[in-house]
Amino acid sequence: MIEIYSSIECPFAYLAVYRLRQVWPAYAGRVTLAWRALSLEYINGRGPARPVTELELALLKQAEPGLPVREWGRAAWEWPATMWPAFEALACAQAQSADAGLAMSWALRHAFFAESRNIALRSELLAIAQEVARTTPLDLARFEADWDGGRYKGSVIADSRRGWHDLKVDGSPTFVLPDGRQVSDLAAGDIEIDEERAVLLRRAPFVGDALAVFRDILDRAAR
C-alpha cells in the first residue's frame, strides 16, 4: 500500500495525481492507494492562498502542458475559504472503495483547478460525487449520509496531524511506501517561492522522464 499525503488545493499534488493516473492502469490490482489528508490549512493557519496557488499552477503548466488548468473564472469571493469539506468528501468516497477514492481525488482537484468550482460547498461536493458515481460504484446515499454526519471529520484532522507531526513529511505531496520510505521529489522540479509576496525566487525544471518516477514508486510498492 502507498499512503499519499497531500493537500487538495496543492498544485504540486494536482500534477502528481495527473501523472499517477497515466501509469496507474498497469498497477491496478497490484498496488493499493490510500489517500491521507495533509492539510496546508492545518499547518499554515490559513485557507488557500490564491496568489501563490495561481503562480504555482502557471509554473507547473509550463512543465506539463497537458495539465488541465484555467484561471479562476468566478468572482473573487467564490474562491474557497477552506478545503476541510473536500477532504471529508475524499474520505467518504475512499471508505467505499479504492477506485472511488482515486476517482474522487482527481475529480475534486480537477473541479477546482480546471473548472473554477468552489469545492468548499456541499452542493458542489454532492455534484462531484454524482459525477464520480458514473464511473465507480459509489453509493450516493451512503456518501451523502457520511458527509452530512461528519463521519470522517476527525480522521482527516488526524491524518494531517500524523503527516506533519509524526511522520514529519517534507510537504504535499508525499508518497509513503510500504517500507516507510517517503518520496516527496515527484518530478515537479525545484521551485522556491516567497509566499508572502507570491514571487518566484528560484526555479530548476525537472530533467528526465517524469512518468518513470511514478513507475518506480509503484514498482517498489508492488514487490
C-alpha atoms as a PDB file:
ATOM      1  CA  MET A   1       0.000   0.000   0.000  1.00  0.00           C
ATOM      2  CA  ILE A   2       1.107   3.535  -0.779  1.00  0.00           C
ATOM      3  CA  GLU A   3      -0.144   6.279   1.507  1.00  0.00           C
ATOM      4  CA  ILE A   4      -0.440   9.564  -0.374  1.00  0.00           C
ATOM      5  CA  TYR A   5      -0.283  12.566   1.920  1.00  0.00           C
ATOM      6  CA  SER A   6      -1.444  15.649   0.063  1.00  0.00           C
ATOM      7  CA  SER A   7      -3.464  18.840   0.276  1.00  0.00           C
ATOM      8  CA  ILE A   8      -6.290  19.127  -2.218  1.00  0.00           C
ATOM      9  CA  GLU A   9      -5.544  22.749  -3.154  1.00  0.00           C
ATOM     10  CA  CYS A  10      -1.841  21.998  -3.679  1.00  0.00           C
ATOM     11  CA  PRO A  11      -0.862  22.413  -7.363  1.00  0.00           C
ATOM     12  CA  PHE A  12       2.079  20.028  -6.917  1.00  0.00           C
ATOM     13  CA  ALA A  13      -0.306  17.337  -5.683  1.00  0.00           C
ATOM     14  CA  TYR A  14      -2.583  18.023  -8.654  1.00  0.00           C
ATOM     15  CA  LEU A  15       0.331  17.455 -11.022  1.00  0.00           C
ATOM     16  CA  ALA A  16       1.301  14.276  -9.166  1.00  0.00           C
ATOM     17  CA  VAL A  17      -2.214  12.822  -9.397  1.00  0.00           C
ATOM     18  CA  TYR A  18      -2.390  13.782 -13.076  1.00  0.00           C
ATOM     19  CA  ARG A  19       0.776  11.800 -13.781  1.00  0.00           C
ATOM     20  CA  LEU A  20      -0.110   8.956 -11.433  1.00  0.00           C
ATOM     21  CA  ARG A  21      -3.343   8.356 -13.330  1.00  0.00           C
ATOM     22  CA  GLN A  22      -1.419   7.961 -16.577  1.00  0.00           C
ATOM     23  CA  VAL A  23       0.590   4.984 -15.305  1.00  0.00           C
ATOM     24  CA  TRP A  24      -1.973   3.566 -12.885  1.00  0.00           C
ATOM     25  CA  PRO A  25      -3.748   1.094 -15.239  1.00  0.00           C
ATOM     26  CA  ALA A  26      -0.629  -1.108 -15.281  1.00  0.00           C
ATOM     27  CA  TYR A  27      -0.653  -1.330 -11.468  1.00  0.00           C
ATOM     28  CA  ALA A  28      -4.352  -1.508 -10.621  1.00  0.00           C
ATOM     29  CA  GLY A  29      -4.949  -4.654  -8.596  1.00  0.00           C
ATOM     30  CA  ARG A  30      -1.270  -4.898  -7.668  1.00  0.00           C
ATOM     31  CA  VAL A  31      -0.923  -1.790  -5.503  1.00  0.00           C
ATOM     32  CA  THR A  32      -3.397  -0.174  -3.125  1.00  0.00           C
ATOM     33  CA  LEU A  33      -3.540   3.600  -2.777  1.00  0.00           C
ATOM     34  CA  ALA A  34      -4.598   5.232   0.485  1.00  0.00           C
ATOM     35  CA  TRP A  35      -5.324   8.955   0.382  1.00  0.00           C
ATOM     36  CA  ARG A  36      -4.323  10.833   3.518  1.00  0.00           C
ATOM     37  CA  ALA A  37      -5.250  14.424   4.255  1.00  0.00           C
ATOM     38  CA  LEU A  38      -2.222  16.676   4.613  1.00  0.00           C
ATOM     39  CA  SER A  39      -3.931  19.985   5.130  1.00  0.00           C
ATOM     40  CA  LEU A  40      -1.875  23.074   4.362  1.00  0.00           C
ATOM     41  CA  GLU A  41      -4.528  24.995   6.269  1.00  0.00           C
ATOM     42  CA  TYR A  42      -3.750  22.879   9.340  1.00  0.00           C
ATOM     43  CA  ILE A  43      -0.050  23.734   9.306  1.00  0.00           C
ATOM     44  CA  ASN A  44      -0.254  27.306   7.946  1.00  0.00           C
ATOM     45  CA  GLY A  45      -3.242  28.505   9.920  1.00  0.00           C
ATOM     46  CA  ARG A  46      -4.966  29.984   6.875  1.00  0.00           C
ATOM     47  CA  GLY A  47      -7.063  28.917   3.914  1.00  0.00           C
ATOM     48  CA  PRO A  48      -5.903  28.507   0.309  1.00  0.00           C
ATOM     49  CA  ALA A  49      -3.755  31.460  -0.774  1.00  0.00           C
ATOM     50  CA  ARG A  50      -4.901  32.392  -4.256  1.00  0.00           C
ATOM     51  CA  PRO A  51      -1.834  34.394  -5.459  1.00  0.00           C
ATOM     52  CA  VAL A  52       0.610  31.622  -4.542  1.00  0.00           C
ATOM     53  CA  THR A  53      -1.662  28.891  -5.897  1.00  0.00           C
ATOM     54  CA  GLU A  54      -2.030  30.640  -9.249  1.00  0.00           C
ATOM     55  CA  LEU A  55       1.722  31.276  -9.522  1.00  0.00           C
ATOM     56  CA  GLU A  56       2.500  27.618  -8.830  1.00  0.00           C
ATOM     57  CA  LEU A  57      -0.119  26.487 -11.331  1.00  0.00           C
ATOM     58  CA  ALA A  58       1.351  28.670 -14.063  1.00  0.00           C
ATOM     59  CA  LEU A  59       4.812  27.227 -13.452  1.00  0.00           C
ATOM     60  CA  LEU A  60       3.572  23.637 -13.441  1.00  0.00           C
ATOM     61  CA  LYS A  61       1.538  24.208 -16.587  1.00  0.00           C
ATOM     62  CA  GLN A  62       4.791  25.148 -18.323  1.00  0.00           C
ATOM     63  CA  ALA A  63       6.356  21.896 -17.110  1.00  0.00           C
ATOM     64  CA  GLU A  64       3.310  19.780 -18.066  1.00  0.00           C
ATOM     65  CA  PRO A  65       1.370  21.460 -20.909  1.00  0.00           C
ATOM     66  CA  GLY A  66      -1.351  18.807 -20.816  1.00  0.00           C
ATOM     67  CA  LEU A  67      -2.268  19.569 -17.208  1.00  0.00           C
ATOM     68  CA  PRO A  68      -5.909  20.770 -17.188  1.00  0.00           C
ATOM     69  CA  VAL A  69      -5.710  24.268 -15.715  1.00  0.00           C
ATOM     70  CA  ARG A  70      -7.502  27.553 -16.169  1.00  0.00           C
ATOM     71  CA  GLU A  71      -7.518  30.827 -14.314  1.00  0.00           C
ATOM     72  CA  TRP A  72     -10.164  31.224 -11.635  1.00  0.00           C
ATOM     73  CA  GLY A  73     -13.272  32.053 -13.603  1.00  0.00           C
ATOM     74  CA  ARG A  74     -15.638  33.123 -10.849  1.00  0.00           C
ATOM     75  CA  ALA A  75     -15.910  36.137  -8.597  1.00  0.00           C
ATOM     76  CA  ALA A  76     -13.095  36.541  -6.095  1.00  0.00           C
ATOM     77  CA  TRP A  77     -15.471  35.959  -3.185  1.00  0.00           C
ATOM     78  CA  GLU A  78     -16.298  32.496  -4.549  1.00  0.00           C
ATOM     79  CA  TRP A  79     -12.714  31.290  -4.068  1.00  0.00           C
ATOM     80  CA  PRO A  80     -12.977  28.542  -1.393  1.00  0.00           C
ATOM     81  CA  ALA A  81     -12.010  29.684   2.088  1.00  0.00           C
ATOM     82  CA  THR A  82     -11.244  26.167   3.307  1.00  0.00           C
ATOM     83  CA  MET A  83     -10.574  22.667   1.997  1.00  0.00           C
ATOM     84  CA  TRP A  84     -11.739  20.670   5.006  1.00  0.00           C
ATOM     85  CA  PRO A  85     -15.130  19.815   3.422  1.00  0.00           C
ATOM     86  CA  ALA A  86     -13.334  18.472   0.338  1.00  0.00           C
ATOM     87  CA  PHE A  87     -11.003  16.364   2.488  1.00  0.00           C
ATOM     88  CA  GLU A  88     -14.064  14.851   4.126  1.00  0.00           C
ATOM     89  CA  ALA A  89     -15.608  14.145   0.725  1.00  0.00           C
ATOM     90  CA  LEU A  90     -12.485  12.274  -0.334  1.00  0.00           C
ATOM     91  CA  ALA A  91     -12.523  10.254   2.882  1.00  0.00           C
ATOM     92  CA  CYS A  92     -16.200   9.388   2.374  1.00  0.00           C
ATOM     93  CA  ALA A  93     -15.505   8.105  -1.137  1.00  0.00           C
ATOM     94  CA  GLN A  94     -12.363   6.213  -0.178  1.00  0.00           C
ATOM     95  CA  ALA A  95     -14.241   4.424   2.595  1.00  0.00           C
ATOM     96  CA  GLN A  96     -16.402   2.798  -0.069  1.00  0.00           C
ATOM     97  CA  SER A  97     -13.646   1.594  -2.421  1.00  0.00           C
ATOM     98  CA  ALA A  98     -10.129   2.304  -3.632  1.00  0.00           C
ATOM     99  CA  ASP A  99     -11.494   3.042  -7.105  1.00  0.00           C
ATOM    100  CA  ALA A 100     -13.889   5.627  -5.707  1.00  0.00           C
ATOM    101  CA  GLY A 101     -11.054   7.152  -3.702  1.00  0.00           C
ATOM    102  CA  LEU A 102      -8.826   7.612  -6.738  1.00  0.00           C
ATOM    103  CA  ALA A 103     -11.692   8.955  -8.822  1.00  0.00           C
ATOM    104  CA  MET A 104     -12.735  11.413  -6.116  1.00  0.00           C
ATOM    105  CA  SER A 105      -9.162  12.557  -5.510  1.00  0.00           C
ATOM    106  CA  TRP A 106      -8.872  13.513  -9.161  1.00  0.00           C
ATOM    107  CA  ALA A 107     -12.408  14.872  -9.530  1.00  0.00           C
ATOM    108  CA  LEU A 108     -12.069  17.289  -6.611  1.00  0.00           C
ATOM    109  CA  ARG A 109      -8.777  18.691  -7.853  1.00  0.00           C
ATOM    110  CA  HIS A 110      -9.957  18.910 -11.453  1.00  0.00           C
ATOM    111  CA  ALA A 111     -13.129  20.702 -10.368  1.00  0.00           C
ATOM    112  CA  PHE A 112     -11.078  23.292  -8.503  1.00  0.00           C
ATOM    113  CA  PHE A 113      -8.153  23.821 -10.863  1.00  0.00           C
ATOM    114  CA  ALA A 114      -9.789  23.284 -14.254  1.00  0.00           C
ATOM    115  CA  GLU A 115     -13.422  24.255 -13.678  1.00  0.00           C
ATOM    116  CA  SER A 116     -13.255  27.004 -11.031  1.00  0.00           C
ATOM    117  CA  ARG A 117     -15.707  25.216  -8.749  1.00  0.00           C
ATOM    118  CA  ASN A 118     -15.935  26.088  -5.075  1.00  0.00           C
ATOM    119  CA  ILE A 119     -15.290  22.697  -3.526  1.00  0.00           C
ATOM    120  CA  ALA A 120     -15.968  24.021  -0.040  1.00  0.00           C
ATOM    121  CA  LEU A 121     -19.690  23.963  -0.854  1.00  0.00           C
ATOM    122  CA  ARG A 122     -21.898  20.984  -0.046  1.00  0.00           C
ATOM    123  CA  SER A 123     -23.805  21.405  -3.307  1.00  0.00           C
ATOM    124  CA  GLU A 124     -20.606  21.190  -5.362  1.00  0.00           C
ATOM    125  CA  LEU A 125     -19.320  18.192  -3.429  1.00  0.00           C
ATOM    126  CA  LEU A 126     -22.566  16.299  -3.966  1.00  0.00           C
ATOM    127  CA  ALA A 127     -22.486  17.177  -7.669  1.00  0.00           C
ATOM    128  CA  ILE A 128     -18.915  15.898  -7.916  1.00  0.00           C
ATOM    129  CA  ALA A 129     -19.938  12.711  -6.116  1.00  0.00           C
ATOM    130  CA  GLN A 130     -22.648  12.183  -8.731  1.00  0.00           C
ATOM    131  CA  GLU A 131     -20.006  12.520 -11.453  1.00  0.00           C
ATOM    132  CA  VAL A 132     -17.745  10.012  -9.700  1.00  0.00           C
ATOM    133  CA  ALA A 133     -20.654   7.585  -9.321  1.00  0.00           C
ATOM    134  CA  ARG A 134     -20.994   7.386 -13.101  1.00  0.00           C
ATOM    135  CA  THR A 135     -17.657   5.584 -13.395  1.00  0.00           C
ATOM    136  CA  THR A 136     -17.198   3.906  -9.997  1.00  0.00           C
ATOM    137  CA  PRO A 137     -19.500   2.002  -7.626  1.00  0.00           C
ATOM    138  CA  LEU A 138     -20.086   4.968  -5.309  1.00  0.00           C
ATOM    139  CA  ASP A 139     -23.238   4.685  -3.209  1.00  0.00           C
ATOM    140  CA  LEU A 140     -24.503   8.265  -3.273  1.00  0.00           C
ATOM    141  CA  ALA A 141     -26.937   7.849  -0.394  1.00  0.00           C
ATOM    142  CA  ARG A 142     -24.189   6.491   1.833  1.00  0.00           C
ATOM    143  CA  PHE A 143     -21.784   9.198   0.674  1.00  0.00           C
ATOM    144  CA  GLU A 144     -24.260  11.950   1.495  1.00  0.00           C
ATOM    145  CA  ALA A 145     -25.132  10.469   4.879  1.00  0.00           C
ATOM    146  CA  ASP A 146     -21.474  10.061   5.827  1.00  0.00           C
ATOM    147  CA  TRP A 147     -20.567  13.581   4.721  1.00  0.00           C
ATOM    148  CA  ASP A 148     -23.585  15.225   6.338  1.00  0.00           C
ATOM    149  CA  GLY A 149     -22.940  13.328   9.553  1.00  0.00           C
ATOM    150  CA  GLY A 150     -19.280  14.320   9.679  1.00  0.00           C
ATOM    151  CA  ARG A 151     -18.245  10.693   9.914  1.00  0.00           C
ATOM    152  CA  TYR A 152     -14.669  11.322   8.768  1.00  0.00           C
ATOM    153  CA  LYS A 153     -14.163  14.835  10.137  1.00  0.00           C
ATOM    154  CA  GLY A 154     -11.922  13.567  12.920  1.00  0.00           C
ATOM    155  CA  SER A 155      -9.951  11.227  10.675  1.00  0.00           C
ATOM    156  CA  VAL A 156      -8.888  13.888   8.180  1.00  0.00           C
ATOM    157  CA  ILE A 157      -7.637  16.086  11.014  1.00  0.00           C
ATOM    158  CA  ALA A 158      -5.827  13.077  12.470  1.00  0.00           C
ATOM    159  CA  ASP A 159      -4.242  12.365   9.070  1.00  0.00           C
ATOM    160  CA  SER A 160      -2.881  15.896   8.904  1.00  0.00           C
ATOM    161  CA  ARG A 161      -1.576  15.727  12.451  1.00  0.00           C
ATOM    162  CA  ARG A 162       0.156  12.421  11.754  1.00  0.00           C
ATOM    163  CA  GLY A 163       1.640  13.589   8.467  1.00  0.00           C
ATOM    164  CA  TRP A 164       3.007  16.887   9.708  1.00  0.00           C
ATOM    165  CA  HIS A 165       3.974  15.985  13.272  1.00  0.00           C
ATOM    166  CA  ASP A 166       4.549  12.221  13.497  1.00  0.00           C
ATOM    167  CA  LEU A 167       5.907  11.375  10.047  1.00  0.00           C
ATOM    168  CA  LYS A 168       7.295  14.887   9.546  1.00  0.00           C
ATOM    169  CA  VAL A 169       6.769  14.710   5.782  1.00  0.00           C
ATOM    170  CA  ASP A 170       8.578  17.255   3.628  1.00  0.00           C
ATOM    171  CA  GLY A 171       5.367  18.598   2.160  1.00  0.00           C
ATOM    172  CA  SER A 172       2.489  17.992  -0.207  1.00  0.00           C
ATOM    173  CA  PRO A 173       2.502  15.579  -1.884  1.00  0.00           C
ATOM    174  CA  THR A 174       4.468  12.855  -0.119  1.00  0.00           C
ATOM    175  CA  PHE A 175       4.167   9.175  -1.025  1.00  0.00           C
ATOM    176  CA  VAL A 176       4.841   6.819   1.892  1.00  0.00           C
ATOM    177  CA  LEU A 177       5.870   3.361   0.676  1.00  0.00           C
ATOM    178  CA  PRO A 178       5.229   0.044   2.478  1.00  0.00           C
ATOM    179  CA  ASP A 179       8.772   0.041   3.886  1.00  0.00           C
ATOM    180  CA  GLY A 180       8.238   3.503   5.360  1.00  0.00           C
ATOM    181  CA  ARG A 181      10.305   5.333   2.788  1.00  0.00           C
ATOM    182  CA  GLN A 182       8.960   8.782   1.945  1.00  0.00           C
ATOM    183  CA  VAL A 183       9.107  10.212  -1.573  1.00  0.00           C
ATOM    184  CA  SER A 184       8.407  13.912  -1.984  1.00  0.00           C
ATOM    185  CA  ASP A 185      10.580  14.622  -5.020  1.00  0.00           C
ATOM    186  CA  LEU A 186       7.976  13.819  -7.661  1.00  0.00           C
ATOM    187  CA  ALA A 187       9.447  15.231 -10.868  1.00  0.00           C
ATOM    188  CA  ALA A 188       7.987  18.709 -10.410  1.00  0.00           C
ATOM    189  CA  GLY A 189      11.352  20.430 -10.461  1.00  0.00           C
ATOM    190  CA  ASP A 190      12.859  22.647  -7.796  1.00  0.00           C
ATOM    191  CA  ILE A 191      10.719  25.721  -7.184  1.00  0.00           C
ATOM    192  CA  GLU A 192      11.155  28.274  -4.424  1.00  0.00           C
ATOM    193  CA  ILE A 193       8.516  30.957  -3.879  1.00  0.00           C
ATOM    194  CA  ASP A 194       8.270  33.847  -1.456  1.00  0.00           C
ATOM    195  CA  GLU A 195       4.769  33.034  -0.250  1.00  0.00           C
ATOM    196  CA  GLU A 196       4.231  36.359   1.485  1.00  0.00           C
ATOM    197  CA  ARG A 197       4.768  38.279  -1.760  1.00  0.00           C
ATOM    198  CA  ALA A 198       3.835  35.478  -4.204  1.00  0.00           C
ATOM    199  CA  VAL A 199       7.130  35.973  -6.037  1.00  0.00           C
ATOM    200  CA  LEU A 200       9.225  33.288  -7.729  1.00  0.00           C
ATOM    201  CA  LEU A 201      12.720  33.183  -6.226  1.00  0.00           C
ATOM    202  CA  ARG A 202      14.241  30.178  -7.947  1.00  0.00           C
ATOM    203  CA  ARG A 203      13.256  27.525 -10.434  1.00  0.00           C
ATOM    204  CA  ALA A 204      15.106  24.488 -11.767  1.00  0.00           C
ATOM    205  CA  PRO A 205      12.932  22.383 -14.112  1.00  0.00           C
ATOM    206  CA  PHE A 206      12.900  18.600 -13.766  1.00  0.00           C
ATOM    207  CA  VAL A 207      15.020  16.864 -16.387  1.00  0.00           C
ATOM    208  CA  GLY A 208      14.113  13.297 -17.332  1.00  0.00           C
ATOM    209  CA  ASP A 209      11.119  11.004 -17.702  1.00  0.00           C
ATOM    210  CA  ALA A 210       8.562  12.187 -15.153  1.00  0.00           C
ATOM    211  CA  LEU A 211       6.342   9.131 -15.560  1.00  0.00           C
ATOM    212  CA  ALA A 212       9.312   6.861 -14.844  1.00  0.00           C
ATOM    213  CA  VAL A 213       9.464   8.392 -11.372  1.00  0.00           C
ATOM    214  CA  PHE A 214       5.920   7.226 -10.694  1.00  0.00           C
ATOM    215  CA  ARG A 215       6.503   3.802 -12.221  1.00  0.00           C
ATOM    216  CA  ASP A 216       9.497   3.346  -9.927  1.00  0.00           C
ATOM    217  CA  ILE A 217       7.411   4.225  -6.872  1.00  0.00           C
ATOM    218  CA  LEU A 218       4.664   1.799  -7.884  1.00  0.00           C
ATOM    219  CA  ASP A 219       7.166  -0.932  -8.733  1.00  0.00           C
ATOM    220  CA  ARG A 220       8.680  -0.640  -5.264  1.00  0.00           C
ATOM    221  CA  ALA A 221       5.264  -0.913  -3.653  1.00  0.00           C
ATOM    222  CA  ALA A 222       4.294  -3.914  -5.798  1.00  0.00           C
ATOM    223  CA  ARG A 223       7.258  -6.049  -4.747  1.00  0.00           C
END
